[in-house]
Amino acid sequence: MKENQNQVHEHGKHVLQFTLNGKHFDWHHQYITGAELRKLGNIPDEDDIFLKMKEPWKDELIADETRIDLARPEIEHFFSKEKDVEVVIIVNGTPKKWDKRQISFKDVIILAYGKYVDSPTLVYTVAYEDGPKQNPEGSMLKGDVVVVKNKMIFHASATDKS
């Protein structure tokens, strides 16, 4: 079953349709750019935009300057997702690969000690430095999450009060 997107508006101009993150849009031009999609969908710069492709093809990454022809026979489906990241953070002097934008207090402890033990007699502390502008330096408490950047430094300690 083919989806047909060509509709003629009351003033005779073709209206082209597409979806972005599941929301339907009408567009009055043959082409749309990645930047226009980003603005329409209120998509942050940290996210990538993709054009959904049918198997066996891979979804197509859409850069801000990419122009997409919406006058093809089927409705185009676009979606956004966080860009893949891989940074190296330093935990207690040891470089560790990290593939998320943020890290939790518990994640830092697991990277430092191999596991997190939830015990009333075990107290963990985490301090960090060389972080991004959102959180350049500070300390973390259980439940806290901070944004990471490459070569950010974490100092974790565990004290057993037993």
N, C-alpha and C. Protein backbone atom coordinates (compact mmCIF):
# COMPACT_ATOMS: atom_id res chain seq x y z
N MET A 1 0.84 -1.19 0.00
CA MET A 1 0.00 0.00 0.00
C MET A 1 0.88 1.25 0.00
N LYS A 2 0.69 2.11 -0.94
CA LYS A 2 1.46 3.34 -1.03
C LYS A 2 0.68 4.47 -0.36
N GLU A 3 1.44 5.28 0.38
CA GLU A 3 0.83 6.47 0.94
C GLU A 3 0.94 7.55 -0.12
N ASN A 4 -0.13 8.25 -0.40
CA ASN A 4 -0.07 9.31 -1.38
C ASN A 4 -0.07 10.64 -0.65
N GLN A 5 0.92 11.46 -0.95
CA GLN A 5 1.04 12.70 -0.21
C GLN A 5 0.61 13.92 -1.02
N ASN A 6 0.31 13.76 -2.30
CA ASN A 6 -0.01 14.93 -3.10
C ASN A 6 -1.45 15.35 -2.89
N GLN A 7 -1.60 16.51 -2.31
CA GLN A 7 -2.92 17.11 -2.14
C GLN A 7 -2.85 18.49 -2.79
N VAL A 8 -3.98 18.94 -3.31
CA VAL A 8 -4.01 20.27 -3.89
C VAL A 8 -4.81 21.15 -2.94
N HIS A 9 -4.22 22.25 -2.54
CA HIS A 9 -4.87 23.21 -1.65
C HIS A 9 -5.93 23.95 -2.42
N GLU A 10 -6.85 24.62 -1.71
CA GLU A 10 -7.94 25.35 -2.37
C GLU A 10 -7.44 26.41 -3.35
N HIS A 11 -6.24 26.96 -3.13
CA HIS A 11 -5.73 27.98 -4.05
C HIS A 11 -4.88 27.34 -5.15
N GLY A 12 -4.96 26.01 -5.32
CA GLY A 12 -4.34 25.34 -6.45
C GLY A 12 -2.89 24.95 -6.25
N LYS A 13 -2.30 25.26 -5.11
CA LYS A 13 -0.90 24.94 -4.87
C LYS A 13 -0.79 23.58 -4.19
N HIS A 14 0.18 22.79 -4.64
CA HIS A 14 0.38 21.47 -4.04
C HIS A 14 0.87 21.59 -2.61
N VAL A 15 0.33 20.74 -1.75
CA VAL A 15 0.79 20.67 -0.37
C VAL A 15 1.48 19.32 -0.21
N LEU A 16 2.72 19.35 0.20
CA LEU A 16 3.47 18.13 0.41
C LEU A 16 3.47 17.82 1.90
N GLN A 17 3.39 16.54 2.22
CA GLN A 17 3.30 16.15 3.61
C GLN A 17 4.49 15.29 4.00
N PHE A 18 4.84 15.35 5.28
CA PHE A 18 5.88 14.50 5.85
C PHE A 18 5.60 14.36 7.33
N THR A 19 6.29 13.41 7.96
CA THR A 19 6.19 13.30 9.41
C THR A 19 7.57 13.54 10.00
N LEU A 20 7.57 14.09 11.20
CA LEU A 20 8.80 14.34 11.95
C LEU A 20 8.52 13.92 13.39
N ASN A 21 9.24 12.88 13.82
CA ASN A 21 9.02 12.31 15.16
C ASN A 21 7.55 11.98 15.39
N GLY A 22 6.91 11.43 14.34
CA GLY A 22 5.53 10.97 14.45
C GLY A 22 4.47 12.04 14.26
N LYS A 23 4.86 13.29 14.14
CA LYS A 23 3.91 14.39 13.96
C LYS A 23 3.82 14.75 12.48
N HIS A 24 2.58 14.94 11.99
CA HIS A 24 2.37 15.26 10.57
C HIS A 24 2.54 16.75 10.29
N PHE A 25 3.18 17.06 9.15
CA PHE A 25 3.38 18.44 8.73
C PHE A 25 2.96 18.59 7.28
N ASP A 26 2.41 19.75 6.93
CA ASP A 26 2.15 20.15 5.55
C ASP A 26 3.23 21.14 5.16
N TRP A 27 3.76 21.01 3.94
CA TRP A 27 4.84 21.87 3.48
C TRP A 27 4.50 22.37 2.10
N HIS A 28 4.69 23.65 1.83
CA HIS A 28 4.27 24.26 0.57
C HIS A 28 5.41 24.45 -0.43
N HIS A 29 6.51 23.73 -0.23
CA HIS A 29 7.66 23.81 -1.14
C HIS A 29 8.09 22.39 -1.49
N GLN A 30 8.75 22.23 -2.62
CA GLN A 30 9.20 20.90 -3.04
C GLN A 30 10.33 20.38 -2.16
N TYR A 31 11.18 21.29 -1.68
CA TYR A 31 12.35 20.88 -0.90
C TYR A 31 12.26 21.40 0.53
N ILE A 32 12.90 20.66 1.42
CA ILE A 32 13.05 21.09 2.81
C ILE A 32 14.48 20.77 3.23
N THR A 33 15.06 21.62 4.06
CA THR A 33 16.43 21.38 4.51
C THR A 33 16.43 20.78 5.92
N GLY A 34 17.57 20.22 6.28
CA GLY A 34 17.73 19.71 7.64
C GLY A 34 17.52 20.81 8.67
N ALA A 35 18.03 22.02 8.37
CA ALA A 35 17.87 23.15 9.29
C ALA A 35 16.38 23.50 9.47
N GLU A 36 15.61 23.45 8.39
CA GLU A 36 14.17 23.74 8.49
C GLU A 36 13.46 22.66 9.31
N LEU A 37 13.85 21.40 9.11
CA LEU A 37 13.28 20.31 9.92
C LEU A 37 13.61 20.52 11.40
N ARG A 38 14.86 20.89 11.69
CA ARG A 38 15.32 21.12 13.06
C ARG A 38 14.46 22.20 13.73
N LYS A 39 14.21 23.29 12.97
CA LYS A 39 13.43 24.42 13.50
C LYS A 39 11.96 24.01 13.71
N LEU A 40 11.37 23.36 12.71
CA LEU A 40 9.96 22.93 12.80
C LEU A 40 9.72 21.99 13.97
N GLY A 41 10.66 21.05 14.14
CA GLY A 41 10.49 20.03 15.19
C GLY A 41 11.09 20.43 16.52
N ASN A 42 11.65 21.65 16.59
CA ASN A 42 12.30 22.13 17.82
C ASN A 42 13.35 21.11 18.30
N ILE A 43 14.19 20.67 17.36
CA ILE A 43 15.18 19.62 17.63
C ILE A 43 16.50 20.28 18.01
N PRO A 44 17.04 19.93 19.17
CA PRO A 44 18.30 20.56 19.61
C PRO A 44 19.49 20.17 18.73
N ASP A 45 20.50 21.03 18.73
CA ASP A 45 21.72 20.78 17.93
C ASP A 45 22.42 19.49 18.33
N GLU A 46 22.22 19.04 19.57
CA GLU A 46 22.87 17.81 20.04
C GLU A 46 22.26 16.55 19.42
N ASP A 47 21.12 16.69 18.73
CA ASP A 47 20.45 15.54 18.15
C ASP A 47 20.69 15.47 16.64
N ASP A 48 20.72 14.24 16.12
CA ASP A 48 20.81 14.01 14.68
C ASP A 48 19.40 13.83 14.13
N ILE A 49 19.22 14.18 12.85
CA ILE A 49 17.95 13.96 12.16
C ILE A 49 18.18 12.92 11.07
N PHE A 50 17.26 11.97 10.97
CA PHE A 50 17.36 10.90 9.98
C PHE A 50 16.10 10.84 9.13
N LEU A 51 16.29 10.42 7.87
CA LEU A 51 15.18 10.08 6.99
C LEU A 51 15.02 8.57 7.08
N LYS A 52 13.83 8.11 7.48
CA LYS A 52 13.56 6.68 7.62
C LYS A 52 13.58 6.05 6.24
N MET A 53 14.36 4.96 6.11
CA MET A 53 14.46 4.23 4.85
C MET A 53 13.93 2.81 5.04
N LYS A 54 13.41 2.25 3.96
CA LYS A 54 12.92 0.87 4.03
C LYS A 54 14.10 -0.10 3.96
N GLU A 55 13.94 -1.24 4.59
CA GLU A 55 14.95 -2.31 4.51
C GLU A 55 15.17 -2.64 3.04
N PRO A 56 16.34 -2.97 2.60
CA PRO A 56 17.56 -3.25 3.34
C PRO A 56 18.44 -2.01 3.52
N TRP A 57 17.94 -0.80 3.20
CA TRP A 57 18.76 0.41 3.29
C TRP A 57 18.79 0.95 4.71
N LYS A 58 19.88 1.66 5.00
CA LYS A 58 20.03 2.29 6.32
C LYS A 58 19.35 3.65 6.31
N ASP A 59 18.82 4.06 7.47
CA ASP A 59 18.24 5.39 7.60
C ASP A 59 19.30 6.42 7.24
N GLU A 60 18.87 7.49 6.55
CA GLU A 60 19.81 8.48 6.03
C GLU A 60 19.96 9.65 7.00
N LEU A 61 21.21 9.93 7.39
CA LEU A 61 21.50 11.07 8.26
C LEU A 61 21.32 12.35 7.46
N ILE A 62 20.57 13.30 8.02
CA ILE A 62 20.27 14.56 7.34
C ILE A 62 21.03 15.70 8.03
N ALA A 63 22.00 16.30 7.33
CA ALA A 63 22.72 17.45 7.87
C ALA A 63 21.85 18.70 7.71
N ASP A 64 22.16 19.76 8.45
CA ASP A 64 21.37 20.99 8.37
C ASP A 64 21.29 21.54 6.95
N GLU A 65 22.39 21.40 6.17
CA GLU A 65 22.40 21.97 4.82
C GLU A 65 21.83 21.01 3.76
N THR A 66 21.49 19.78 4.14
CA THR A 66 20.94 18.80 3.19
C THR A 66 19.54 19.23 2.74
N ARG A 67 19.31 19.16 1.41
CA ARG A 67 17.98 19.45 0.85
C ARG A 67 17.30 18.14 0.48
N ILE A 68 16.07 17.96 0.93
CA ILE A 68 15.33 16.73 0.66
C ILE A 68 14.15 17.07 -0.24
N ASP A 69 13.99 16.27 -1.31
CA ASP A 69 12.89 16.45 -2.25
C ASP A 69 11.65 15.76 -1.67
N LEU A 70 10.63 16.55 -1.34
CA LEU A 70 9.40 16.00 -0.76
C LEU A 70 8.39 15.59 -1.82
N ALA A 71 8.69 15.81 -3.11
CA ALA A 71 7.72 15.53 -4.18
C ALA A 71 7.79 14.09 -4.67
N ARG A 72 8.46 13.22 -3.92
CA ARG A 72 8.50 11.81 -4.31
C ARG A 72 7.15 11.17 -3.99
N PRO A 73 6.89 9.97 -4.54
CA PRO A 73 5.55 9.37 -4.43
C PRO A 73 5.05 9.09 -3.00
N GLU A 74 5.95 8.81 -2.06
CA GLU A 74 5.48 8.47 -0.72
C GLU A 74 5.83 9.56 0.29
N ILE A 75 5.12 9.56 1.39
CA ILE A 75 5.39 10.51 2.47
C ILE A 75 6.75 10.20 3.10
N GLU A 76 7.55 11.23 3.31
CA GLU A 76 8.85 11.06 3.95
C GLU A 76 8.63 11.05 5.47
N HIS A 77 9.34 10.15 6.13
CA HIS A 77 9.26 10.06 7.59
C HIS A 77 10.63 10.39 8.17
N PHE A 78 10.69 11.46 8.97
CA PHE A 78 11.93 11.89 9.60
C PHE A 78 11.85 11.62 11.10
N PHE A 79 13.01 11.39 11.71
CA PHE A 79 13.04 11.24 13.17
C PHE A 79 14.36 11.77 13.69
N SER A 80 14.37 12.13 14.96
CA SER A 80 15.61 12.62 15.57
C SER A 80 16.00 11.71 16.71
N LYS A 81 17.30 11.70 17.00
CA LYS A 81 17.78 10.97 18.18
C LYS A 81 19.10 11.61 18.61
N GLU A 82 19.45 11.39 19.87
CA GLU A 82 20.71 11.94 20.38
C GLU A 82 21.87 11.42 19.55
N LYS A 83 22.80 12.32 19.27
CA LYS A 83 24.00 11.91 18.54
C LYS A 83 24.77 10.90 19.38
N ASP A 84 25.39 9.95 18.68
CA ASP A 84 26.25 9.00 19.37
C ASP A 84 27.50 9.75 19.83
N VAL A 85 27.88 9.51 21.05
CA VAL A 85 29.09 10.15 21.57
C VAL A 85 30.01 9.09 22.13
N GLU A 86 31.27 9.35 22.07
CA GLU A 86 32.23 8.52 22.79
C GLU A 86 33.33 9.43 23.27
N VAL A 87 33.45 9.51 24.59
CA VAL A 87 34.49 10.33 25.19
C VAL A 87 35.33 9.44 26.09
N VAL A 88 36.47 9.96 26.47
CA VAL A 88 37.29 9.29 27.48
C VAL A 88 37.24 10.17 28.71
N ILE A 89 36.80 9.59 29.82
CA ILE A 89 36.80 10.30 31.09
C ILE A 89 37.86 9.66 31.98
N ILE A 90 38.38 10.43 32.90
CA ILE A 90 39.43 9.94 33.79
C ILE A 90 38.80 9.69 35.16
N VAL A 91 38.80 8.42 35.59
CA VAL A 91 38.22 8.06 36.89
C VAL A 91 39.33 7.54 37.78
N ASN A 92 39.60 8.28 38.85
CA ASN A 92 40.69 7.93 39.78
C ASN A 92 42.00 7.67 39.03
N GLY A 93 42.27 8.53 38.05
CA GLY A 93 43.54 8.46 37.32
C GLY A 93 43.56 7.51 36.14
N THR A 94 42.47 6.73 35.93
CA THR A 94 42.43 5.74 34.85
C THR A 94 41.48 6.19 33.74
N PRO A 95 41.96 6.27 32.49
CA PRO A 95 41.07 6.61 31.37
C PRO A 95 40.00 5.53 31.17
N LYS A 96 38.76 5.96 30.99
CA LYS A 96 37.63 5.05 30.76
C LYS A 96 36.82 5.58 29.58
N LYS A 97 36.45 4.68 28.64
CA LYS A 97 35.58 5.08 27.54
C LYS A 97 34.15 5.23 28.06
N TRP A 98 33.45 6.27 27.58
CA TRP A 98 32.07 6.51 28.00
C TRP A 98 31.29 6.94 26.77
N ASP A 99 30.11 6.34 26.52
CA ASP A 99 29.37 6.61 25.28
C ASP A 99 28.03 7.29 25.49
N LYS A 100 27.88 8.00 26.60
CA LYS A 100 26.64 8.74 26.84
C LYS A 100 26.98 10.20 27.11
N ARG A 101 25.99 11.07 26.98
CA ARG A 101 26.18 12.50 27.22
C ARG A 101 26.29 12.83 28.70
N GLN A 102 25.72 11.96 29.52
CA GLN A 102 25.69 12.21 30.96
C GLN A 102 26.19 10.98 31.69
N ILE A 103 26.55 11.20 32.95
CA ILE A 103 26.96 10.08 33.80
C ILE A 103 26.33 10.29 35.17
N SER A 104 25.91 9.19 35.78
CA SER A 104 25.31 9.27 37.11
C SER A 104 26.36 9.00 38.19
N PHE A 105 26.04 9.38 39.39
CA PHE A 105 26.87 9.11 40.56
C PHE A 105 27.20 7.62 40.62
N LYS A 106 26.17 6.79 40.47
CA LYS A 106 26.33 5.34 40.53
C LYS A 106 27.26 4.82 39.43
N ASP A 107 27.12 5.38 38.19
CA ASP A 107 27.98 4.98 37.07
C ASP A 107 29.45 5.27 37.38
N VAL A 108 29.73 6.43 38.00
CA VAL A 108 31.12 6.78 38.35
C VAL A 108 31.67 5.76 39.34
N ILE A 109 30.87 5.40 40.34
CA ILE A 109 31.31 4.42 41.35
C ILE A 109 31.60 3.06 40.70
N ILE A 110 30.73 2.64 39.79
CA ILE A 110 30.93 1.35 39.10
C ILE A 110 32.22 1.40 38.25
N LEU A 111 32.46 2.52 37.57
CA LEU A 111 33.70 2.65 36.79
C LEU A 111 34.93 2.63 37.71
N ALA A 112 34.80 3.21 38.89
CA ALA A 112 35.94 3.29 39.82
C ALA A 112 36.20 1.96 40.53
N TYR A 113 35.14 1.26 40.95
CA TYR A 113 35.31 0.08 41.81
C TYR A 113 34.78 -1.23 41.22
N GLY A 114 34.21 -1.17 40.01
CA GLY A 114 33.72 -2.39 39.38
C GLY A 114 32.30 -2.76 39.77
N LYS A 115 31.81 -2.19 40.86
CA LYS A 115 30.42 -2.44 41.29
C LYS A 115 30.01 -1.34 42.26
N TYR A 116 28.70 -1.26 42.50
CA TYR A 116 28.15 -0.31 43.45
C TYR A 116 27.48 -1.13 44.55
N VAL A 117 27.92 -0.95 45.77
CA VAL A 117 27.33 -1.68 46.90
C VAL A 117 26.46 -0.72 47.67
N ASP A 118 25.17 -1.03 47.74
CA ASP A 118 24.24 -0.17 48.48
C ASP A 118 24.18 -0.67 49.92
N SER A 119 24.98 -0.04 50.78
CA SER A 119 25.09 -0.48 52.16
C SER A 119 25.12 0.74 53.07
N PRO A 120 24.46 0.66 54.23
CA PRO A 120 24.47 1.80 55.14
C PRO A 120 25.86 2.08 55.73
N THR A 121 26.75 1.08 55.71
CA THR A 121 28.09 1.29 56.27
C THR A 121 29.10 1.77 55.24
N LEU A 122 28.74 1.72 53.95
CA LEU A 122 29.67 2.12 52.88
C LEU A 122 29.24 3.50 52.36
N VAL A 123 30.15 4.47 52.44
CA VAL A 123 29.85 5.82 51.98
C VAL A 123 30.76 6.15 50.80
N TYR A 124 30.12 6.53 49.67
CA TYR A 124 30.87 6.92 48.48
C TYR A 124 30.86 8.44 48.34
N THR A 125 31.95 8.99 47.84
CA THR A 125 31.98 10.40 47.47
C THR A 125 32.52 10.50 46.05
N VAL A 126 32.01 11.49 45.31
CA VAL A 126 32.48 11.75 43.95
C VAL A 126 32.67 13.25 43.78
N ALA A 127 33.83 13.63 43.29
CA ALA A 127 34.10 15.02 42.90
C ALA A 127 34.56 14.99 41.45
N TYR A 128 34.38 16.10 40.76
CA TYR A 128 34.78 16.15 39.35
C TYR A 128 35.33 17.52 39.01
N GLU A 129 36.13 17.55 37.92
CA GLU A 129 36.71 18.81 37.43
C GLU A 129 36.88 18.69 35.92
N ASP A 130 37.19 19.81 35.29
CA ASP A 130 37.35 19.89 33.83
C ASP A 130 36.10 19.44 33.09
N GLY A 131 34.93 19.75 33.64
CA GLY A 131 33.66 19.41 33.01
C GLY A 131 33.23 20.48 32.01
N PRO A 132 32.12 20.26 31.31
CA PRO A 132 31.60 21.24 30.35
C PRO A 132 31.02 22.46 31.07
N LYS A 133 30.59 23.46 30.30
CA LYS A 133 30.10 24.70 30.90
C LYS A 133 28.89 24.49 31.82
N GLN A 134 28.08 23.44 31.56
CA GLN A 134 26.92 23.17 32.41
C GLN A 134 27.33 22.79 33.83
N ASN A 135 28.44 22.10 33.96
CA ASN A 135 28.93 21.66 35.27
C ASN A 135 30.46 21.53 35.21
N PRO A 136 31.17 22.67 35.31
CA PRO A 136 32.63 22.63 35.15
C PRO A 136 33.35 21.88 36.27
N GLU A 137 32.85 21.98 37.50
CA GLU A 137 33.46 21.27 38.62
C GLU A 137 32.45 21.18 39.75
N GLY A 138 32.69 20.22 40.65
CA GLY A 138 31.79 20.09 41.79
C GLY A 138 31.84 18.70 42.37
N SER A 139 30.83 18.42 43.20
CA SER A 139 30.73 17.08 43.77
C SER A 139 29.35 16.53 43.46
N MET A 140 29.26 15.20 43.53
CA MET A 140 28.00 14.51 43.22
C MET A 140 27.53 13.76 44.45
N LEU A 141 26.22 13.69 44.58
CA LEU A 141 25.59 12.89 45.62
C LEU A 141 24.81 11.76 44.95
N LYS A 142 24.46 10.75 45.73
CA LYS A 142 23.67 9.63 45.20
C LYS A 142 22.45 10.19 44.48
N GLY A 143 22.22 9.73 43.24
CA GLY A 143 21.08 10.19 42.45
C GLY A 143 21.43 11.31 41.48
N ASP A 144 22.59 11.96 41.66
CA ASP A 144 22.98 13.06 40.77
C ASP A 144 23.44 12.54 39.41
N VAL A 145 23.25 13.39 38.40
CA VAL A 145 23.69 13.12 37.04
C VAL A 145 24.36 14.40 36.53
N VAL A 146 25.52 14.28 35.86
CA VAL A 146 26.18 15.44 35.27
C VAL A 146 26.47 15.18 33.80
N VAL A 147 26.60 16.27 33.03
CA VAL A 147 26.97 16.20 31.62
C VAL A 147 28.48 15.96 31.56
N VAL A 148 28.91 15.08 30.64
CA VAL A 148 30.34 14.78 30.52
C VAL A 148 30.94 15.42 29.28
N LYS A 149 32.26 15.56 29.29
CA LYS A 149 33.00 15.95 28.10
C LYS A 149 34.31 15.17 28.09
N ASN A 150 34.94 15.15 26.94
CA ASN A 150 36.18 14.40 26.79
C ASN A 150 37.23 14.89 27.79
N LYS A 151 37.92 13.95 28.41
CA LYS A 151 39.01 14.19 29.38
C LYS A 151 38.52 14.81 30.69
N MET A 152 37.22 14.72 30.98
CA MET A 152 36.70 15.18 32.27
C MET A 152 37.26 14.26 33.36
N ILE A 153 37.55 14.82 34.52
CA ILE A 153 38.19 14.07 35.59
C ILE A 153 37.23 13.84 36.76
N PHE A 154 37.16 12.57 37.21
CA PHE A 154 36.34 12.19 38.37
C PHE A 154 37.23 11.59 39.45
N HIS A 155 36.95 11.97 40.69
CA HIS A 155 37.63 11.41 41.86
C HIS A 155 36.57 10.73 42.70
N ALA A 156 36.65 9.41 42.80
CA ALA A 156 35.67 8.66 43.59
C ALA A 156 36.36 8.03 44.79
N SER A 157 35.68 8.01 45.92
CA SER A 157 36.23 7.32 47.09
C SER A 157 35.14 6.53 47.79
N ALA A 158 35.55 5.49 48.46
CA ALA A 158 34.63 4.65 49.23
C ALA A 158 35.18 4.54 50.65
N THR A 159 34.31 4.78 51.63
CA THR A 159 34.70 4.66 53.03
C THR A 159 33.78 3.68 53.71
N ASP A 160 34.37 2.64 54.31
CA ASP A 160 33.58 1.63 55.04
C ASP A 160 33.58 1.99 56.52
N LYS A 161 32.37 2.26 57.05
CA LYS A 161 32.26 2.69 58.45
C LYS A 161 32.00 1.53 59.40
N SER A 162 32.21 0.30 58.94
CA SER A 162 31.89 -0.84 59.80
C SER A 162 32.96 -1.06 60.85
